[in-house]
C-alpha atoms as a PDB file:
ATOM      1  CA  LYS A   1    -103.291  26.010 -53.816  1.00  0.00           C
ATOM      2  CA  LEU A   2    -105.737  28.623 -52.615  1.00  0.00           C
ATOM      3  CA  SER A   3    -108.498  26.105 -52.153  1.00  0.00           C
ATOM      4  CA  ASN A   4    -106.560  24.048 -49.590  1.00  0.00           C
ATOM      5  CA  THR A   5    -107.048  26.533 -46.744  1.00  0.00           C
ATOM      6  CA  LYS A   6    -109.968  28.433 -45.275  1.00  0.00           C
ATOM      7  CA  ALA A   7    -108.025  31.685 -45.719  1.00  0.00           C
ATOM      8  CA  GLY A   8    -107.493  30.859 -49.389  1.00  0.00           C
ATOM      9  CA  LEU A   9    -111.159  30.023 -49.894  1.00  0.00           C
ATOM     10  CA  ASP A  10    -112.176  33.230 -48.107  1.00  0.00           C
ATOM     11  CA  ALA A  11    -109.911  35.195 -50.457  1.00  0.00           C
ATOM     12  CA  LEU A  12    -111.133  33.407 -53.569  1.00  0.00           C
ATOM     13  CA  PHE A  13    -114.801  33.816 -52.714  1.00  0.00           C
ATOM     14  CA  ARG A  14    -114.701  37.426 -51.455  1.00  0.00           C
ATOM     15  CA  SER A  15    -117.721  39.234 -52.830  1.00  0.00           C
ATOM     16  CA  ASP A  16    -115.661  41.670 -54.934  1.00  0.00           C
ATOM     17  CA  LEU A  17    -113.536  38.929 -56.491  1.00  0.00           C
ATOM     18  CA  LEU A  18    -116.574  36.722 -57.000  1.00  0.00           C
ATOM     19  CA  ASN A  19    -118.341  39.597 -58.755  1.00  0.00           C
ATOM     20  CA  LYS A  20    -115.323  40.069 -61.024  1.00  0.00           C
ATOM     21  CA  LEU A  21    -115.361  36.353 -61.867  1.00  0.00           C
ATOM     22  CA  LYS A  22    -119.050  36.581 -62.732  1.00  0.00           C
ATOM     23  CA  ASP A  23    -118.405  39.689 -64.850  1.00  0.00           C
ATOM     24  CA  VAL A  24    -115.555  38.069 -66.772  1.00  0.00           C
ATOM     25  CA  MET A  25    -117.809  35.065 -67.477  1.00  0.00           C
ATOM     26  CA  LEU A  26    -119.854  37.361 -69.713  1.00  0.00           C
ATOM     27  CA  THR A  27    -116.833  37.860 -71.997  1.00  0.00           C
ATOM     28  CA  SER A  28    -117.220  34.635 -73.962  1.00  0.00           C
ATOM     29  CA  ASP A  29    -118.363  31.033 -73.758  1.00  0.00           C
ATOM     30  CA  ILE A  30    -114.756  29.864 -73.481  1.00  0.00           C
ATOM     31  CA  ILE A  31    -114.056  32.109 -70.488  1.00  0.00           C
ATOM     32  CA  ARG A  32    -117.316  31.061 -68.827  1.00  0.00           C
ATOM     33  CA  TYR A  33    -116.424  27.381 -69.200  1.00  0.00           C
ATOM     34  CA  ARG A  34    -112.920  28.036 -67.819  1.00  0.00           C
ATOM     35  CA  VAL A  35    -114.490  29.586 -64.714  1.00  0.00           C
ATOM     36  CA  TYR A  36    -116.807  26.583 -64.420  1.00  0.00           C
ATOM     37  CA  GLU A  37    -113.751  24.337 -64.723  1.00  0.00           C
ATOM     38  CA  LEU A  38    -112.077  26.284 -61.905  1.00  0.00           C
ATOM     39  CA  ILE A  39    -115.173  25.928 -59.706  1.00  0.00           C
ATOM     40  CA  VAL A  40    -115.321  22.170 -60.327  1.00  0.00           C
ATOM     41  CA  GLU A  41    -111.613  21.823 -59.468  1.00  0.00           C
ATOM     42  CA  VAL A  42    -111.985  23.842 -56.267  1.00  0.00           C
ATOM     43  CA  SER A  43    -115.145  21.994 -55.233  1.00  0.00           C
ATOM     44  CA  THR A  44    -113.371  18.624 -55.365  1.00  0.00           C
ATOM     45  CA  VAL A  45    -110.716  19.600 -52.806  1.00  0.00           C
ATOM     46  CA  SER A  46    -112.855  19.130 -49.692  1.00  0.00           C
ATOM     47  CA  PRO A  47    -116.416  19.295 -48.376  1.00  0.00           C
ATOM     48  CA  VAL A  48    -115.659  22.811 -47.126  1.00  0.00           C
ATOM     49  CA  SER A  49    -114.526  23.969 -50.565  1.00  0.00           C
ATOM     50  CA  LEU A  50    -117.628  22.384 -52.091  1.00  0.00           C
ATOM     51  CA  GLY A  51    -119.699  24.449 -49.665  1.00  0.00           C
ATOM     52  CA  TYR A  52    -117.965  27.656 -50.737  1.00  0.00           C
ATOM     53  CA  CYS A  53    -118.569  26.821 -54.396  1.00  0.00           C
ATOM     54  CA  ALA A  54    -122.214  25.954 -53.777  1.00  0.00           C
ATOM     55  CA  ASN A  55    -122.784  29.161 -51.794  1.00  0.00           C
ATOM     56  CA  SER A  56    -121.280  31.219 -54.623  1.00  0.00           C
ATOM     57  CA  GLY A  57    -124.165  30.221 -56.885  1.00  0.00           C
ATOM     58  CA  LEU A  58    -121.804  29.188 -59.672  1.00  0.00           C
ATOM     59  CA  ILE A  59    -122.477  25.457 -59.350  1.00  0.00           C
ATOM     60  CA  SER A  60    -126.225  25.936 -59.693  1.00  0.00           C
ATOM     61  CA  GLN A  61    -125.633  28.342 -62.592  1.00  0.00           C
ATOM     62  CA  MET A  62    -123.474  25.738 -64.320  1.00  0.00           C
ATOM     63  CA  LEU A  63    -126.042  22.990 -63.729  1.00  0.00           C
ATOM     64  CA  GLU A  64    -128.844  25.176 -65.087  1.00  0.00           C
ATOM     65  CA  GLU A  65    -126.794  25.815 -68.204  1.00  0.00           C
ATOM     66  CA  LEU A  66    -125.999  22.121 -68.638  1.00  0.00           C
ATOM     67  CA  THR A  67    -129.585  20.958 -68.148  1.00  0.00           C
ATOM     68  CA  GLY A  68    -131.279  23.770 -70.061  1.00  0.00           C
ATOM     69  CA  ASP A  69    -133.062  23.413 -73.378  1.00  0.00           C
ATOM     70  CA  ASP A  70    -130.566  25.608 -75.244  1.00  0.00           C
ATOM     71  CA  VAL A  71    -128.666  23.478 -77.745  1.00  0.00           C
END
């Protein structure tokens, strides 16, 4: 698993790969939720992985979407 090592987390959260993930999230709701699912899975591995996920901005984006007024 990539998220089990610092090297894996560094690779997963490289700015170019992170930008591609954010771009692909615009494809559809299903894809966006799959990326959110990936972020939740990675964030549960360790406090370090949670930090990477939080710093990516994707956790706060997901929380904003979940707590927003859009039904």
